[in-house]
Amino acid sequence: MTGYGDASVMHMREVPQPTAGAGELLIKVHAAGLNPLDSRLRQGGMKPLMRPKLPHVAGNELAGVVQEVGAGITGFAPGDRVFARVATTGLGAFAPYAAVAADLVAKMPQSLDFADAAGLPLAGLTAIQALRDELGVQAGQRVFISGGAGGVGTLAIQLATWMGASVATTASGKGADLVRSLGAETVIDYKRQKFTDLLHDYDAAFDLIGGQDLTDAFTILKPGAKVVTITGMPEPATARKDLGRGGGLAALLWLASAKIRRQARAHQVGYRFLFMRPSGSDLTLLARLVDEGHLKVVTDRVFPFEEIADAFAYLDQGHAKGKVVVRMAT
């Protein structure tokens, strides 16, 4: 990534091959997932939270094969098929090789190829951490997930169902069959219906759309329930809990999020913006769920790495059902 802007700022360049330092794995990358987060970073929308020095090797998630094992590492060996959500400060997945801290890496699901595995880490970690850690979803609850046909939504529906909850979601007519097949019990065609007219007294909401959908979600929840969003305004816990940053950023986000937090309080519900944390142990759980048949990865399109700018242009259209992935030449 050479600058901030549209997909044209993504350029192919020769960069030095990294090496595995202490506590790291050198991974030969076979595929890398694209995410709305990658687009927001490229467009400059994440500058208050993440500002990599340019030019920078972008990319948040990958799947590949271990080439080298750094000092002090156990549990991995050269030849292992692995996947990872790389460090938020380092990025680097859009390259033939990446050095990644071993505690962020897990062995791939045995039932997936590299392309499908590459689309799981960021969306899967976002979904499991939102539902399990922030919303505390339990069996018998009713959970609303907006935008269920996207990369995070397709996984969140399945994980909430695995947790024993019943799921309502929004989707277009084209996405309705997909989200039903993944376990959604109530599917609302957002082009023809308003979910506020159909849902009430829900136990939790996971917002993947933002805007009016986010503020409308406050109105369908029980008092004391909570909305977690990945598209709204970050709030102080984002700085402290998710990014490990100090009081300066927390204070800035306290001011920036004052309006949305006030709207949530008016409806007696909680509000949280989640910036997921990389975790090898959570990836191990997701891999097990995939291999046991509880979790299916939905891949929309796979582009060759040479067409990564086209892949981003396609992602930015906002119509993908599941994940967009680039495959490296091997």
Protein backbone atom coordinates (compact mmCIF):
# COMPACT_ATOMS: atom_id res chain seq x y z
CA MET A 1 0.00 0.00 0.00
CA THR A 2 1.66 3.23 -1.18
CA GLY A 3 -0.87 5.78 0.02
CA TYR A 4 -4.47 6.34 1.07
CA GLY A 5 -7.27 6.25 -1.46
CA ASP A 6 -9.13 3.90 -3.78
CA ALA A 7 -7.99 0.47 -4.94
CA SER A 8 -5.38 2.02 -7.25
CA VAL A 9 -3.06 2.72 -4.28
CA MET A 10 -2.42 -1.03 -4.01
CA HIS A 11 0.75 -1.80 -5.97
CA MET A 12 2.90 -4.89 -6.51
CA ARG A 13 6.47 -4.34 -5.33
CA GLU A 14 9.51 -6.43 -4.49
CA VAL A 15 10.19 -6.44 -0.74
CA PRO A 16 12.86 -8.25 1.29
CA GLN A 17 11.82 -11.70 2.53
CA PRO A 18 11.31 -11.62 6.31
CA THR A 19 12.89 -14.07 8.71
CA ALA A 20 11.47 -15.77 11.77
CA GLY A 21 12.62 -13.99 14.91
CA ALA A 22 12.33 -15.37 18.43
CA GLY A 23 8.73 -16.39 19.08
CA GLU A 24 7.79 -16.11 15.41
CA LEU A 25 6.94 -18.37 12.50
CA LEU A 26 7.92 -17.64 8.93
CA ILE A 27 4.92 -18.60 6.82
CA LYS A 28 4.85 -19.09 3.07
CA VAL A 29 1.53 -17.46 2.22
CA HIS A 30 -0.78 -19.42 -0.08
CA ALA A 31 -3.84 -17.19 0.25
CA ALA A 32 -4.93 -14.02 2.03
CA GLY A 33 -8.39 -12.74 2.90
CA LEU A 34 -9.73 -9.29 2.11
CA ASN A 35 -11.94 -7.44 4.55
CA PRO A 36 -13.82 -4.15 4.85
CA LEU A 37 -11.18 -3.30 7.46
CA ASP A 38 -8.53 -3.50 4.74
CA SER A 39 -10.54 -1.05 2.65
CA ARG A 40 -11.01 1.34 5.57
CA LEU A 41 -7.27 1.24 6.26
CA ARG A 42 -6.51 1.88 2.59
CA GLN A 43 -8.99 4.76 2.46
CA GLY A 44 -7.52 6.34 5.62
CA GLY A 45 -10.64 5.77 7.70
CA MET A 46 -8.71 4.07 10.49
CA LYS A 47 -6.02 6.75 10.95
CA PRO A 48 -7.05 7.61 14.54
CA LEU A 49 -6.60 3.94 15.52
CA MET A 50 -4.08 2.54 13.02
CA ARG A 51 -1.59 4.54 10.97
CA PRO A 52 1.04 2.29 9.36
CA LYS A 53 4.12 3.96 7.94
CA LEU A 54 3.83 4.06 4.14
CA PRO A 55 4.63 2.31 1.91
CA HIS A 56 3.50 -0.74 3.87
CA VAL A 57 2.74 -4.38 3.17
CA ALA A 58 -0.98 -4.57 3.90
CA GLY A 59 -3.17 -7.55 4.71
CA ASN A 60 -4.73 -8.79 7.95
CA GLU A 61 -5.20 -12.55 7.51
CA LEU A 62 -3.54 -15.45 5.73
CA ALA A 63 -3.23 -19.18 5.29
CA GLY A 64 -0.05 -20.98 4.33
CA VAL A 65 2.74 -23.33 5.31
CA VAL A 66 5.34 -22.90 8.04
CA GLN A 67 8.82 -22.46 6.53
CA GLU A 68 10.90 -21.55 9.59
CA VAL A 69 10.34 -21.79 13.35
CA GLY A 70 11.88 -19.10 15.51
CA ALA A 71 13.64 -19.66 18.81
CA GLY A 72 11.50 -20.69 21.75
CA ILE A 73 8.61 -22.07 19.69
CA THR A 74 6.96 -25.41 20.41
CA GLY A 75 3.89 -26.93 18.81
CA PHE A 76 4.75 -25.95 15.24
CA ALA A 77 7.14 -27.40 12.69
CA PRO A 78 8.12 -26.67 9.09
CA GLY A 79 5.47 -28.02 6.76
CA ASP A 80 2.51 -27.34 9.07
CA ARG A 81 -0.53 -25.87 7.32
CA VAL A 82 -1.51 -22.83 9.37
CA PHE A 83 -3.69 -19.75 9.34
CA ALA A 84 -3.56 -16.47 11.24
CA ARG A 85 -4.93 -13.02 11.80
CA VAL A 86 -1.61 -11.17 11.83
CA ALA A 87 -0.67 -8.48 14.36
CA THR A 88 -2.79 -5.34 14.03
CA THR A 89 0.29 -3.12 14.12
CA GLY A 90 2.39 -5.08 11.65
CA LEU A 91 -0.05 -6.35 9.00
CA GLY A 92 1.84 -8.00 6.11
CA ALA A 93 -0.47 -10.76 4.84
CA PHE A 94 -0.43 -9.58 1.19
CA ALA A 95 3.03 -10.97 0.49
CA PRO A 96 4.63 -14.30 -0.48
CA TYR A 97 6.08 -14.67 3.05
CA ALA A 98 5.07 -13.30 6.43
CA ALA A 99 6.71 -13.50 9.87
CA VAL A 100 3.95 -13.88 12.47
CA ALA A 101 4.07 -14.24 16.26
CA ALA A 102 3.37 -17.89 17.02
CA ASP A 103 0.65 -17.13 19.58
CA LEU A 104 -1.43 -15.59 16.78
CA VAL A 105 -1.21 -18.71 14.60
CA ALA A 106 -3.17 -21.98 14.59
CA LYS A 107 -3.16 -25.10 12.48
CA MET A 108 -5.67 -24.90 9.64
CA PRO A 109 -8.89 -26.88 9.67
CA GLN A 110 -8.06 -30.18 8.02
CA SER A 111 -11.20 -29.99 5.89
CA LEU A 112 -10.38 -26.61 4.25
CA ASP A 113 -8.13 -25.60 1.39
CA PHE A 114 -5.92 -22.52 1.69
CA ALA A 115 -8.37 -20.14 0.05
CA ASP A 116 -11.24 -20.95 2.38
CA ALA A 117 -8.97 -21.04 5.44
CA ALA A 118 -7.59 -17.58 4.59
CA GLY A 119 -11.08 -16.09 4.82
CA LEU A 120 -11.75 -17.37 8.32
CA PRO A 121 -9.42 -15.62 10.81
CA LEU A 122 -10.52 -11.99 10.97
CA ALA A 123 -14.24 -12.55 10.44
CA GLY A 124 -14.29 -15.65 12.63
CA LEU A 125 -12.44 -13.99 15.50
CA THR A 126 -14.68 -10.94 15.24
CA ALA A 127 -17.80 -13.07 15.40
CA ILE A 128 -16.73 -15.35 18.27
CA GLN A 129 -15.39 -12.50 20.40
CA ALA A 130 -18.49 -10.37 19.85
CA LEU A 131 -20.97 -13.14 20.60
CA ARG A 132 -19.10 -14.98 23.37
CA ASP A 133 -17.07 -12.29 25.11
CA GLU A 134 -19.06 -9.08 24.62
CA LEU A 135 -22.68 -10.21 24.27
CA GLY A 136 -22.42 -13.37 26.38
CA VAL A 137 -24.85 -15.23 24.13
CA GLN A 138 -26.51 -18.19 25.84
CA ALA A 139 -28.84 -20.99 24.85
CA GLY A 140 -32.45 -19.89 24.48
CA GLN A 141 -31.68 -16.26 23.75
CA ARG A 142 -32.78 -14.34 20.67
CA VAL A 143 -30.01 -12.54 18.81
CA PHE A 144 -30.31 -10.02 15.99
CA ILE A 145 -27.45 -9.87 13.45
CA SER A 146 -27.69 -7.17 10.79
CA GLY A 147 -26.22 -7.90 7.37
CA GLY A 148 -26.04 -11.65 7.79
CA ALA A 149 -24.84 -12.53 4.27
CA GLY A 150 -21.43 -10.88 4.57
CA GLY A 151 -18.13 -12.33 5.72
CA VAL A 152 -18.67 -11.77 9.44
CA GLY A 153 -22.42 -12.32 9.29
CA THR A 154 -22.28 -15.77 7.72
CA LEU A 155 -20.00 -16.95 10.52
CA ALA A 156 -21.83 -15.10 13.29
CA ILE A 157 -25.15 -16.73 12.38
CA GLN A 158 -23.61 -20.19 12.65
CA LEU A 159 -21.76 -19.44 15.89
CA ALA A 160 -24.84 -17.98 17.57
CA THR A 161 -26.81 -21.04 16.50
CA TRP A 162 -24.06 -23.30 17.86
CA MET A 163 -24.35 -21.42 21.16
CA GLY A 164 -28.03 -22.31 21.25
CA ALA A 165 -29.53 -18.95 20.32
CA SER A 166 -32.19 -18.25 17.73
CA VAL A 167 -31.08 -15.74 15.11
CA ALA A 168 -32.86 -13.02 13.18
CA THR A 169 -30.96 -11.27 10.41
CA THR A 170 -31.34 -8.89 7.50
CA ALA A 171 -30.38 -9.82 3.95
CA SER A 172 -31.30 -9.05 0.38
CA GLY A 173 -33.56 -11.40 -1.52
CA LYS A 174 -30.47 -12.96 -3.09
CA GLY A 175 -28.91 -13.61 0.32
CA ALA A 176 -32.02 -14.95 2.03
CA ASP A 177 -31.53 -18.61 1.08
CA LEU A 178 -27.88 -18.46 2.13
CA VAL A 179 -28.52 -17.12 5.63
CA ARG A 180 -31.38 -19.57 6.18
CA SER A 181 -29.10 -22.43 5.19
CA LEU A 182 -26.65 -21.25 7.86
CA GLY A 183 -29.24 -21.34 10.64
CA ALA A 184 -31.06 -17.99 10.68
CA GLU A 185 -34.67 -18.56 11.81
CA THR A 186 -36.01 -15.11 10.91
CA VAL A 187 -34.83 -13.46 7.71
CA ILE A 188 -35.89 -9.90 6.91
CA ASP A 189 -35.54 -8.56 3.36
CA TYR A 190 -34.16 -5.10 4.13
CA LYS A 191 -35.28 -3.80 0.72
CA ARG A 192 -38.95 -4.51 1.50
CA GLN A 193 -39.24 -4.65 5.29
CA LYS A 194 -38.07 -2.83 8.39
CA PHE A 195 -36.74 -5.07 11.12
CA THR A 196 -38.06 -2.61 13.69
CA ASP A 197 -41.60 -3.51 12.60
CA LEU A 198 -41.03 -7.24 13.13
CA LEU A 199 -38.64 -7.69 16.06
CA HIS A 200 -38.94 -6.77 19.72
CA ASP A 201 -37.58 -7.78 23.13
CA TYR A 202 -34.40 -9.31 21.73
CA ASP A 203 -31.60 -10.31 24.08
CA ALA A 204 -28.65 -9.04 22.04
CA ALA A 205 -27.73 -7.37 18.76
CA PHE A 206 -24.60 -7.63 16.63
CA ASP A 207 -24.47 -4.73 14.17
CA LEU A 208 -22.51 -5.22 10.94
CA ILE A 209 -24.08 -2.40 8.90
CA GLY A 210 -23.95 0.78 10.99
CA GLY A 211 -25.86 3.97 10.29
CA GLN A 212 -29.61 3.79 10.81
CA ASP A 213 -29.48 0.02 11.32
CA LEU A 214 -27.28 0.55 14.37
CA THR A 215 -29.51 3.11 16.07
CA ASP A 216 -32.63 1.14 15.12
CA ALA A 217 -31.15 -1.92 16.83
CA PHE A 218 -31.42 -0.09 20.18
CA THR A 219 -35.20 -0.07 19.82
CA ILE A 220 -35.69 -3.86 19.48
CA LEU A 221 -33.80 -4.93 22.61
CA LYS A 222 -34.87 -5.70 26.14
CA PRO A 223 -33.81 -3.15 28.77
CA GLY A 224 -30.33 -4.03 29.94
CA ALA A 225 -29.40 -5.76 26.68
CA LYS A 226 -26.42 -4.74 24.57
CA VAL A 227 -25.47 -3.85 21.00
CA VAL A 228 -22.00 -4.68 19.73
CA THR A 229 -20.96 -3.04 16.47
CA ILE A 230 -17.96 -3.24 14.16
CA THR A 231 -19.06 -0.32 11.98
CA GLY A 232 -20.20 2.38 14.41
CA MET A 233 -18.18 4.89 16.41
CA PRO A 234 -15.40 3.45 18.58
CA GLU A 235 -15.72 4.21 22.31
CA PRO A 236 -13.26 4.26 25.23
CA ALA A 237 -13.14 0.48 25.73
CA THR A 238 -11.88 0.17 22.16
CA ALA A 239 -8.73 2.06 23.09
CA ARG A 240 -8.11 0.34 26.42
CA LYS A 241 -9.36 -3.20 25.90
CA ASP A 242 -8.92 -3.84 22.17
CA LEU A 243 -5.90 -1.74 21.24
CA GLY A 244 -4.02 -1.48 24.52
CA ARG A 245 -3.74 2.30 24.13
CA GLY A 246 -3.57 4.91 26.85
CA GLY A 247 -5.87 7.56 28.24
CA GLY A 248 -5.36 10.05 25.43
CA LEU A 249 -7.10 7.94 22.80
CA ALA A 250 -9.71 6.78 25.31
CA ALA A 251 -10.57 10.40 26.10
CA LEU A 252 -10.81 11.24 22.40
CA LEU A 253 -13.14 8.31 21.79
CA TRP A 254 -15.20 9.20 24.88
CA LEU A 255 -15.96 12.54 23.26
CA ALA A 256 -16.44 11.15 19.75
CA SER A 257 -18.86 8.45 20.90
CA ALA A 258 -20.85 10.59 23.32
CA LYS A 259 -23.88 10.91 21.03
CA ILE A 260 -24.25 7.22 20.19
CA ARG A 261 -23.71 6.19 23.82
CA ARG A 262 -26.35 8.71 24.88
CA GLN A 263 -28.79 7.23 22.34
CA ALA A 264 -28.14 3.75 23.71
CA ARG A 265 -28.74 4.89 27.31
CA ALA A 266 -32.03 6.47 26.26
CA HIS A 267 -33.20 2.98 25.30
CA GLN A 268 -31.64 1.42 28.44
CA VAL A 269 -29.20 -0.69 26.45
CA GLY A 270 -25.42 -0.98 26.32
CA TYR A 271 -23.16 0.02 23.45
CA ARG A 272 -19.79 -1.40 22.47
CA PHE A 273 -17.57 -1.03 19.42
CA LEU A 274 -15.40 -4.14 18.98
CA PHE A 275 -11.97 -4.17 17.37
CA MET A 276 -11.19 -7.88 17.54
CA ARG A 277 -7.91 -9.16 18.98
CA PRO A 278 -5.73 -11.71 17.17
CA SER A 279 -5.71 -15.03 19.03
CA GLY A 280 -4.22 -18.38 18.10
CA SER A 281 -6.27 -20.14 20.77
CA ASP A 282 -9.54 -18.77 19.37
CA LEU A 283 -8.46 -19.83 15.88
CA THR A 284 -7.88 -23.34 17.21
CA LEU A 285 -11.48 -23.36 18.47
CA LEU A 286 -12.78 -22.14 15.11
CA ALA A 287 -10.76 -24.80 13.28
CA ARG A 288 -12.28 -27.49 15.49
CA LEU A 289 -15.80 -26.20 14.82
CA VAL A 290 -15.14 -26.29 11.09
CA ASP A 291 -13.83 -29.85 11.16
CA GLU A 292 -16.73 -30.98 13.36
CA GLY A 293 -19.24 -29.56 10.88
CA HIS A 294 -20.56 -26.73 13.08
CA LEU A 295 -19.04 -23.94 11.00
CA LYS A 296 -18.92 -23.46 7.24
CA VAL A 297 -16.73 -20.85 5.56
CA VAL A 298 -18.53 -19.06 2.74
CA THR A 299 -16.15 -17.80 0.04
CA ASP A 300 -17.63 -15.50 -2.58
CA ARG A 301 -14.70 -15.09 -5.03
CA VAL A 302 -11.00 -15.96 -5.24
CA PHE A 303 -8.73 -13.65 -7.25
CA PRO A 304 -5.12 -14.26 -8.27
CA PHE A 305 -2.75 -12.12 -6.23
CA GLU A 306 -1.80 -10.16 -9.36
CA GLU A 307 -5.39 -8.88 -9.50
CA ILE A 308 -5.56 -7.67 -5.89
CA ALA A 309 -6.65 -4.19 -7.01
CA ASP A 310 -9.60 -5.79 -8.85
CA ALA A 311 -10.34 -7.85 -5.73
CA PHE A 312 -10.54 -4.69 -3.65
CA ALA A 313 -12.72 -2.97 -6.23
CA TYR A 314 -15.09 -5.93 -6.08
CA LEU A 315 -15.07 -5.96 -2.27
CA ASP A 316 -15.79 -2.23 -2.15
CA GLN A 317 -18.99 -2.72 -4.15
CA GLY A 318 -20.45 -4.27 -0.99
CA HIS A 319 -22.28 -7.13 -2.69
CA ALA A 320 -20.06 -10.08 -1.73
CA LYS A 321 -21.81 -13.04 -0.10
CA GLY A 322 -19.14 -14.33 2.26
CA LYS A 323 -15.43 -13.64 1.85
CA VAL A 324 -13.22 -12.32 -0.94
CA VAL A 325 -9.78 -13.95 -1.09
CA VAL A 326 -6.57 -13.59 -3.11
CA ARG A 327 -4.51 -16.66 -3.94
CA MET A 328 -0.73 -16.46 -4.17
CA ALA A 329 1.19 -18.16 -6.97
CA THR A 330 2.84 -21.28 -5.50
